[in-house]
C-alpha cells in the first residue's frame, strides 16, 4: 500500500532575506511533518513573489521545495494581490513561509556546480596566495534605494562614497593581505567606478560579473563581509560570516525586528546604525573594536 503524499503550499513575499527565511520555514514545516526522518511523503509548493531579479535561483537547489511558482513584481505592488488570489485557490495553502522560521541562521543550499566553480576561483586568486577574502556590497538594490527611498524620502540603503573610501582603506590596514572584492549588479559596476572605490589598493570591482548564486558561494568563504542592509548581508549573517552592516534607520520596525535586532549581540555581527549621519571616526572605532579579535 502506497501512502498518499501530503501536499502543502506556502508563499514567500519580498527580497533575498525573506526568501532565505522562507526556505528555512519550509524546512521546519517538512521536518515537523516527516515520519522516521523521511520527507518522501511530503510535496511542497512555493508561491514566490519578489522584487529581486533571479531571486528564485535560491530555491532551485533546496531539497524542501518541490514546485516553484514565481512572480517578479518589480515596482508594481499589485502583483501581491495576484499572488494572494493564487494562494486563495489552493486548499493546502498554510500561510507565509518566512513567518514559520524559528532560526536566525538558515541553511542556504547551492548547486554543486556553483560551489565547485567558486571553490576554484577562491583557490586560484586567494587561498594559494595566502590572502584573506573580504566581500564588500556597497550599494543596495535598485528597488530599495529608489522605490522605497522615494516613498519615505530617505536613502534607506546607501552610504556616502567618502565614507566607503575611508572604510576600505581602514580594512587594508587592519586585515593582513586582504583581497577585497566589490560585488553588486551590472548597474552597480559603473557607480562603483564613479565612486572611485576600485582605485583603492587590493580592491577589485566584480560587480555584474558574478551571478547571485556565485556571489552567495563566495560570501560563505569570506573572512569578512561589509555592506548595506541588502543581499550580501542576508547571506553572510545567515552563514555566520563576520559582518559589518551599515544601516540608515527609517522607522522600519519590522525590518529591525526580523533582519537586524537578532544579530546585535552575536560575536560575528556589527550593526552600524544611522551610518550616513554618524561621524566617520565613530564608525571606525566601532569597526576596530568589534573586529580586532576576529580579523
Protein backbone atom coordinates (compact mmCIF):
# COMPACT_ATOMS: atom_id res chain seq x y z
CA UNK A 1 0.00 0.00 0.00
CA UNK A 2 1.39 3.39 -1.02
CA UNK A 3 0.76 6.34 1.29
CA UNK A 4 -0.92 9.36 -0.27
CA UNK A 5 1.60 12.23 -0.33
CA UNK A 6 0.95 15.16 1.98
CA UNK A 7 0.71 18.29 -0.15
CA UNK A 8 1.36 21.72 1.33
CA UNK A 9 1.96 25.14 -0.14
CA UNK A 10 3.19 28.43 1.32
CA UNK A 11 4.22 31.82 0.00
CA UNK A 12 7.35 33.95 0.28
CA UNK A 13 6.96 37.67 -0.37
CA UNK A 14 9.95 40.03 -0.56
CA UNK A 15 13.67 40.06 -1.24
CA UNK A 16 16.63 37.80 -0.52
CA UNK A 17 16.30 37.89 3.25
CA UNK A 18 12.65 36.90 3.04
CA UNK A 19 13.49 34.11 0.61
CA UNK A 20 16.19 32.67 2.88
CA UNK A 21 13.95 32.71 5.94
CA UNK A 22 11.04 31.39 3.90
CA UNK A 23 13.06 28.40 2.74
CA UNK A 24 14.02 27.68 6.32
CA UNK A 25 10.33 27.88 7.15
CA UNK A 26 9.65 25.19 4.53
CA UNK A 27 12.41 23.07 6.06
CA UNK A 28 10.97 23.35 9.56
CA UNK A 29 7.46 22.55 8.32
CA UNK A 30 8.66 19.49 6.42
CA UNK A 31 10.74 18.18 9.31
CA UNK A 32 7.84 18.61 11.73
CA UNK A 33 5.58 16.61 9.41
CA UNK A 34 8.09 13.91 8.47
CA UNK A 35 7.86 10.34 9.63
CA UNK A 36 11.00 8.42 10.66
CA UNK A 37 13.16 11.29 9.41
CA UNK A 38 12.00 10.98 5.80
CA UNK A 39 10.33 13.68 3.69
CA UNK A 40 9.42 11.37 0.81
CA UNK A 41 5.70 11.63 1.53
CA UNK A 42 5.62 15.45 1.60
CA UNK A 43 5.15 17.54 -1.54
CA UNK A 44 5.74 21.28 -1.15
CA UNK A 45 4.94 24.18 -3.44
CA UNK A 46 6.34 27.68 -3.04
CA UNK A 47 4.49 30.74 -4.27
CA UNK A 48 7.30 33.28 -4.59
CA UNK A 49 6.55 36.97 -5.09
CA UNK A 50 9.76 39.01 -5.21
CA UNK A 51 11.26 42.26 -6.44
CA UNK A 52 14.65 40.54 -6.67
CA UNK A 53 15.55 39.54 -10.20
CA UNK A 54 16.77 35.92 -10.25
CA UNK A 55 15.87 35.53 -6.57
CA UNK A 56 14.15 32.26 -7.42
CA UNK A 57 17.60 30.76 -8.10
CA UNK A 58 17.97 30.25 -4.36
CA UNK A 59 15.01 27.87 -4.39
CA UNK A 60 16.16 25.51 -7.10
CA UNK A 61 18.76 23.61 -5.09
CA UNK A 62 16.61 23.50 -1.97
CA UNK A 63 15.55 19.92 -1.16
CA UNK A 64 12.47 21.07 0.76
CA UNK A 65 10.68 22.70 -2.18
CA UNK A 66 9.27 20.51 -4.96
CA UNK A 67 7.47 23.11 -7.07
CA UNK A 68 8.01 26.85 -7.58
CA UNK A 69 5.61 29.47 -8.90
CA UNK A 70 7.32 32.85 -9.27
CA UNK A 71 6.08 36.40 -9.75
CA UNK A 72 8.67 39.16 -10.11
CA UNK A 73 6.72 42.27 -9.16
CA UNK A 74 9.40 44.88 -9.81
CA UNK A 75 7.91 48.19 -8.68
CA UNK A 76 4.31 47.03 -9.06
CA UNK A 77 2.87 46.00 -5.72
CA UNK A 78 -0.40 44.93 -7.35
CA UNK A 79 1.35 41.65 -8.12
CA UNK A 80 0.99 40.81 -4.44
CA UNK A 81 -2.77 40.75 -4.99
CA UNK A 82 -2.27 38.31 -7.84
CA UNK A 83 -0.23 36.09 -5.51
CA UNK A 84 -2.94 36.28 -2.84
CA UNK A 85 -5.55 35.15 -5.37
CA UNK A 86 -3.39 32.20 -6.42
CA UNK A 87 -2.93 31.18 -2.79
CA UNK A 88 -6.64 31.52 -2.05
CA UNK A 89 -7.45 28.86 -4.65
CA UNK A 90 -5.08 26.34 -3.07
CA UNK A 91 -6.80 24.25 -0.42
CA UNK A 92 -3.44 23.16 1.01
CA UNK A 93 -2.09 26.70 1.50
CA UNK A 94 -0.78 27.14 5.05
CA UNK A 95 0.47 30.73 5.04
CA UNK A 96 3.61 32.79 4.51
CA UNK A 97 6.64 30.55 4.97
CA UNK A 98 9.08 33.08 6.45
CA UNK A 99 6.77 33.57 9.45
CA UNK A 100 7.23 29.88 10.26
CA UNK A 101 11.02 30.10 10.54
CA UNK A 102 12.46 29.94 14.06
CA UNK A 103 16.15 30.23 13.20
CA UNK A 104 18.22 33.36 12.56
CA UNK A 105 20.87 31.27 10.78
CA UNK A 106 19.00 29.49 7.98
CA UNK A 107 20.67 26.86 5.83
CA UNK A 108 21.49 28.02 2.29
CA UNK A 109 21.60 25.30 -0.38
CA UNK A 110 23.65 25.80 -3.55
CA UNK A 111 24.05 23.65 -6.68
CA UNK A 112 27.28 21.64 -6.65
CA UNK A 113 28.41 23.14 -9.97
CA UNK A 114 28.27 26.63 -8.44
CA UNK A 115 30.14 25.54 -5.34
CA UNK A 116 32.84 23.87 -7.45
CA UNK A 117 33.25 26.93 -9.70
CA UNK A 118 33.69 29.35 -6.81
CA UNK A 119 35.96 26.91 -4.95
CA UNK A 120 38.28 27.09 -7.94
CA UNK A 121 38.07 30.89 -8.13
CA UNK A 122 38.81 31.17 -4.41
CA UNK A 123 41.76 28.78 -4.57
CA UNK A 124 43.43 30.37 -7.62
CA UNK A 125 43.09 34.02 -6.61
CA UNK A 126 43.08 33.95 -2.84
CA UNK A 127 43.94 30.77 -0.97
CA UNK A 128 47.10 29.80 -2.85
CA UNK A 129 48.44 33.32 -2.33
CA UNK A 130 47.65 33.21 1.41
CA UNK A 131 45.29 36.15 1.10
CA UNK A 132 42.13 36.82 3.08
CA UNK A 133 38.87 37.39 1.24
CA UNK A 134 36.85 40.48 2.10
CA UNK A 135 33.49 40.92 0.34
CA UNK A 136 32.04 44.42 0.07
CA UNK A 137 28.49 45.12 -1.16
CA UNK A 138 28.38 48.93 -1.18
CA UNK A 139 25.08 49.57 -2.97
CA UNK A 140 21.62 48.26 -2.13
CA UNK A 141 19.11 47.01 -4.66
CA UNK A 142 17.60 49.50 -7.09
CA UNK A 143 14.20 48.66 -5.57
CA UNK A 144 15.32 49.52 -2.06
CA UNK A 145 17.41 52.57 -2.91
CA UNK A 146 14.99 54.24 -5.25
CA UNK A 147 11.48 52.85 -4.90
CA UNK A 148 11.29 52.64 -1.11
CA UNK A 149 13.56 55.66 -0.78
CA UNK A 150 11.23 57.78 -2.88
CA UNK A 151 8.26 56.73 -0.76
CA UNK A 152 9.92 57.53 2.57
CA UNK A 153 12.10 60.37 1.25
CA UNK A 154 15.18 58.80 2.81
CA UNK A 155 18.20 56.94 1.48
CA UNK A 156 17.32 53.60 3.03
CA UNK A 157 20.33 51.58 1.88
CA UNK A 158 23.09 53.91 0.79
CA UNK A 159 26.37 55.08 2.29
CA UNK A 160 28.28 58.17 1.19
CA UNK A 161 31.21 57.42 -1.19
CA UNK A 162 33.68 59.29 1.03
CA UNK A 163 32.82 57.01 3.93
CA UNK A 164 33.33 53.93 1.78
CA UNK A 165 36.79 55.24 0.83
CA UNK A 166 37.76 55.66 4.47
CA UNK A 167 36.33 52.28 5.48
CA UNK A 168 38.06 50.36 2.67
CA UNK A 169 41.38 51.99 3.44
CA UNK A 170 40.84 51.03 7.07
CA UNK A 171 40.25 47.39 6.10
CA UNK A 172 43.51 47.48 4.16
CA UNK A 173 45.23 48.46 7.36
CA UNK A 174 43.72 46.00 9.84
CA UNK A 175 43.50 42.81 7.76
CA UNK A 176 46.70 41.07 6.72
CA UNK A 177 46.95 40.51 2.93
CA UNK A 178 43.34 41.34 2.06
CA UNK A 179 41.78 40.54 -1.31
CA UNK A 180 38.80 42.88 -1.39
CA UNK A 181 36.02 42.07 -3.86
CA UNK A 182 33.24 44.54 -4.59
CA UNK A 183 30.01 42.82 -5.65
CA UNK A 184 26.71 44.08 -6.99
CA UNK A 185 24.59 44.24 -10.12
CA UNK A 186 25.73 45.20 -13.61
CA UNK A 187 24.28 48.66 -12.96
CA UNK A 188 26.40 48.95 -9.82
CA UNK A 189 29.67 48.43 -11.69
CA UNK A 190 29.76 51.92 -13.19
CA UNK A 191 28.54 53.52 -9.96
CA UNK A 192 31.36 51.85 -8.04
CA UNK A 193 33.89 53.09 -10.61
CA UNK A 194 32.37 56.58 -10.44
CA UNK A 195 32.85 56.49 -6.65
CA UNK A 196 36.48 55.55 -7.29
CA UNK A 197 36.29 52.58 -4.93
CA UNK A 198 38.10 50.27 -7.35
CA UNK A 199 41.13 52.59 -7.33
CA UNK A 200 41.90 51.66 -3.71
CA UNK A 201 44.76 49.15 -3.23
CA UNK A 202 43.73 45.48 -3.08
CA UNK A 203 40.17 46.34 -4.21
CA UNK A 204 38.69 44.51 -7.22
CA UNK A 205 35.39 45.50 -8.85
CA UNK A 206 33.46 42.31 -9.67
CA UNK A 207 30.02 43.94 -9.76
CA UNK A 208 27.97 42.35 -12.51
CA UNK A 209 30.46 39.55 -13.10
CA UNK A 210 29.03 37.00 -10.68
CA UNK A 211 25.55 35.55 -10.65
CA UNK A 212 23.57 35.69 -7.44
CA UNK A 213 24.43 32.06 -6.65
CA UNK A 214 28.13 32.61 -7.41
CA UNK A 215 28.22 35.64 -5.12
CA UNK A 216 26.46 33.61 -2.44
CA UNK A 217 29.03 30.81 -2.67
CA UNK A 218 31.88 33.32 -2.45
CA UNK A 219 30.39 35.12 0.55
CA UNK A 220 30.46 31.88 2.55
CA UNK A 221 34.27 31.77 2.10
CA UNK A 222 34.93 35.32 3.26
CA UNK A 223 36.95 36.42 6.27
CA UNK A 224 34.73 39.50 6.45
CA UNK A 225 31.68 40.95 4.69
CA UNK A 226 30.81 44.64 4.68
CA UNK A 227 27.72 46.11 3.14
CA UNK A 228 24.48 47.97 3.38
CA UNK A 229 21.29 46.26 4.54
CA UNK A 230 20.81 44.18 1.41
CA UNK A 231 21.64 40.90 -0.36
CA UNK A 232 25.19 40.17 0.88
CA UNK A 233 24.34 40.95 4.49
CA UNK A 234 21.44 38.48 4.40
CA UNK A 235 23.75 35.71 3.16
CA UNK A 236 26.67 36.48 5.47
CA UNK A 237 24.64 36.78 8.68
CA UNK A 238 22.75 33.58 7.90
CA UNK A 239 26.11 31.86 7.32
CA UNK A 240 27.73 33.29 10.48
CA UNK A 241 30.40 35.11 8.48
CA UNK A 242 31.85 38.13 10.37
CA UNK A 243 29.87 41.05 9.01
CA UNK A 244 29.62 44.82 9.29
CA UNK A 245 26.19 46.11 8.25
CA UNK A 246 25.58 49.81 7.61
CA UNK A 247 22.00 50.86 8.31
CA UNK A 248 20.21 54.16 7.87
CA UNK A 249 17.35 53.93 10.33
CA UNK A 250 13.99 54.70 8.76
CA UNK A 251 11.40 53.65 11.35
CA UNK A 252 11.02 50.24 9.73
CA UNK A 253 10.32 48.28 12.91
CA UNK A 254 9.54 45.05 11.03
CA UNK A 255 12.94 45.04 9.29
CA UNK A 256 14.74 45.88 12.52
CA UNK A 257 12.95 43.13 14.44
CA UNK A 258 13.48 40.38 11.85
CA UNK A 259 16.68 41.18 9.99
CA UNK A 260 18.82 43.24 12.38
CA UNK A 261 17.99 43.09 16.09
CA UNK A 262 18.55 39.31 16.47
CA UNK A 263 22.18 39.75 15.35
CA UNK A 264 23.12 42.73 17.55
CA UNK A 265 24.50 40.54 20.32
CA UNK A 266 26.22 38.00 18.05
CA UNK A 267 30.03 37.98 18.02
CA UNK A 268 30.15 37.84 14.23
CA UNK A 269 27.85 40.83 13.60
CA UNK A 270 28.46 44.58 13.83
CA UNK A 271 25.39 46.68 13.06
CA UNK A 272 26.24 50.35 12.43
CA UNK A 273 23.02 52.35 12.81
CA UNK A 274 22.47 55.86 11.40
CA UNK A 275 25.51 55.21 9.22
CA UNK A 276 25.11 58.20 6.94
CA UNK A 277 24.87 60.77 9.73
CA UNK A 278 27.29 59.28 12.24
CA UNK A 279 30.83 60.75 12.26
CA UNK A 280 33.27 58.52 10.39
CA UNK A 281 35.60 58.41 13.40
CA UNK A 282 32.81 56.82 15.48
CA UNK A 283 32.17 54.25 12.76
CA UNK A 284 35.87 53.39 12.51
CA UNK A 285 36.11 53.00 16.28
CA UNK A 286 33.15 50.59 16.31
CA UNK A 287 34.59 48.52 13.47
CA UNK A 288 38.06 48.24 15.00
CA UNK A 289 36.71 47.47 18.46
CA UNK A 290 34.43 44.71 17.24
CA UNK A 291 36.72 43.15 14.63
CA UNK A 292 40.13 43.17 16.29
CA UNK A 293 39.56 39.69 17.74
CA UNK A 294 38.06 38.33 14.52
CA UNK A 295 40.38 39.74 11.89
